[in-house]
Protein backbone atom coordinates (compact mmCIF):
# COMPACT_ATOMS: atom_id res chain seq x y z
CA UNK A 1 160.97 10.77 87.25
CA UNK A 2 158.43 10.86 90.06
CA UNK A 3 155.17 8.98 90.18
CA UNK A 4 152.42 11.17 91.69
CA UNK A 5 150.48 8.17 92.97
CA UNK A 6 153.52 6.79 94.80
CA UNK A 7 154.21 10.16 96.42
CA UNK A 8 150.57 10.33 97.55
CA UNK A 9 150.91 6.83 99.03
CA UNK A 10 154.01 7.86 100.99
CA UNK A 11 152.33 11.02 102.29
CA UNK A 12 149.30 8.97 103.37
CA UNK A 13 151.60 6.54 105.23
CA UNK A 14 153.15 9.44 107.14
CA UNK A 15 149.75 11.00 107.75
CA UNK A 16 148.25 7.75 109.08
CA UNK A 17 150.52 7.47 112.13
CA UNK A 18 151.84 11.03 112.38
CA UNK A 19 155.47 10.04 111.86
CA UNK A 20 157.59 7.39 110.15
CA UNK A 21 161.27 6.53 109.90
CA UNK A 22 163.03 6.27 106.55
CA UNK A 23 163.51 2.54 107.06
CA UNK A 24 159.81 2.08 107.74
CA UNK A 25 158.86 4.06 104.63
CA UNK A 26 161.24 2.01 102.47
CA UNK A 27 159.84 -1.25 103.90
CA UNK A 28 156.21 -0.19 103.51
CA UNK A 29 156.98 1.22 100.06
CA UNK A 30 158.35 -2.15 98.96
CA UNK A 31 155.03 -3.71 100.02
CA UNK A 32 153.31 -1.19 97.70
CA UNK A 33 155.71 -1.98 94.81
CA UNK A 34 157.66 1.27 95.21
CA UNK A 35 161.41 0.88 94.80
CA UNK A 36 163.81 1.95 97.55
CA UNK A 37 165.42 4.61 95.35
CA UNK A 38 162.03 6.09 94.48
CA UNK A 39 161.06 6.25 98.17
CA UNK A 40 164.30 8.04 99.04
CA UNK A 41 164.00 10.46 96.11
CA UNK A 42 160.38 11.16 97.03
CA UNK A 43 161.35 11.87 100.66
CA UNK A 44 163.99 14.35 99.47
CA UNK A 45 161.45 16.01 97.16
CA UNK A 46 158.86 16.29 99.93
CA UNK A 47 161.49 17.77 102.25
CA UNK A 48 162.50 20.33 99.59
CA UNK A 49 158.85 21.28 99.02
CA UNK A 50 158.39 21.55 102.82
CA UNK A 51 155.50 19.07 102.78
CA UNK A 52 157.21 17.00 105.48
CA UNK A 53 159.68 17.81 108.25
CA UNK A 54 162.51 15.74 109.66
CA UNK A 55 162.58 15.40 113.46
CA UNK A 56 165.02 13.56 115.67
CA UNK A 57 163.86 11.82 118.85
CA UNK A 58 165.67 9.85 121.51
CA UNK A 59 164.75 6.18 121.36
CA UNK A 60 167.12 5.03 124.08
CA UNK A 61 166.24 5.08 127.75
CA UNK A 62 168.58 8.01 128.42
CA UNK A 63 170.49 6.07 131.02
CA UNK A 64 172.05 3.07 129.29
CA UNK A 65 171.45 4.20 125.74
CA UNK A 66 171.23 7.62 124.14
CA UNK A 67 170.31 6.49 120.64
CA UNK A 68 168.25 8.76 118.45
CA UNK A 69 166.11 8.13 115.36
CA UNK A 70 165.05 10.45 112.57
CA UNK A 71 161.33 10.64 111.86
CA UNK A 72 159.43 12.25 109.04
CA UNK A 73 156.16 14.02 109.80
CA UNK A 74 153.82 16.31 107.92
CA UNK A 75 154.75 19.98 108.08
C-alpha cells in the first residue's frame, strides 16, 4: 500500500536539489517517518510511472578512483 503524501514528500525532496541518491532518500525519509521499505517501493513505483529517471555519474576523480553513484531525478 502506498501513501500519497509520502510519495509527494519524496518527489519534493528530489525536486528541491534536482537529484538524490537512494541512500539519501532513505535517510531523509526516515527523518519524515517514512520507512525504508516504503521509500524503496515508492522509488520503484515512480520509476515505473516514469516520473523520475535513474542516472549514473562518476563520483571518483577519474584517476585514482572510478566510482560511480546512481542518482534519481525528475523526468
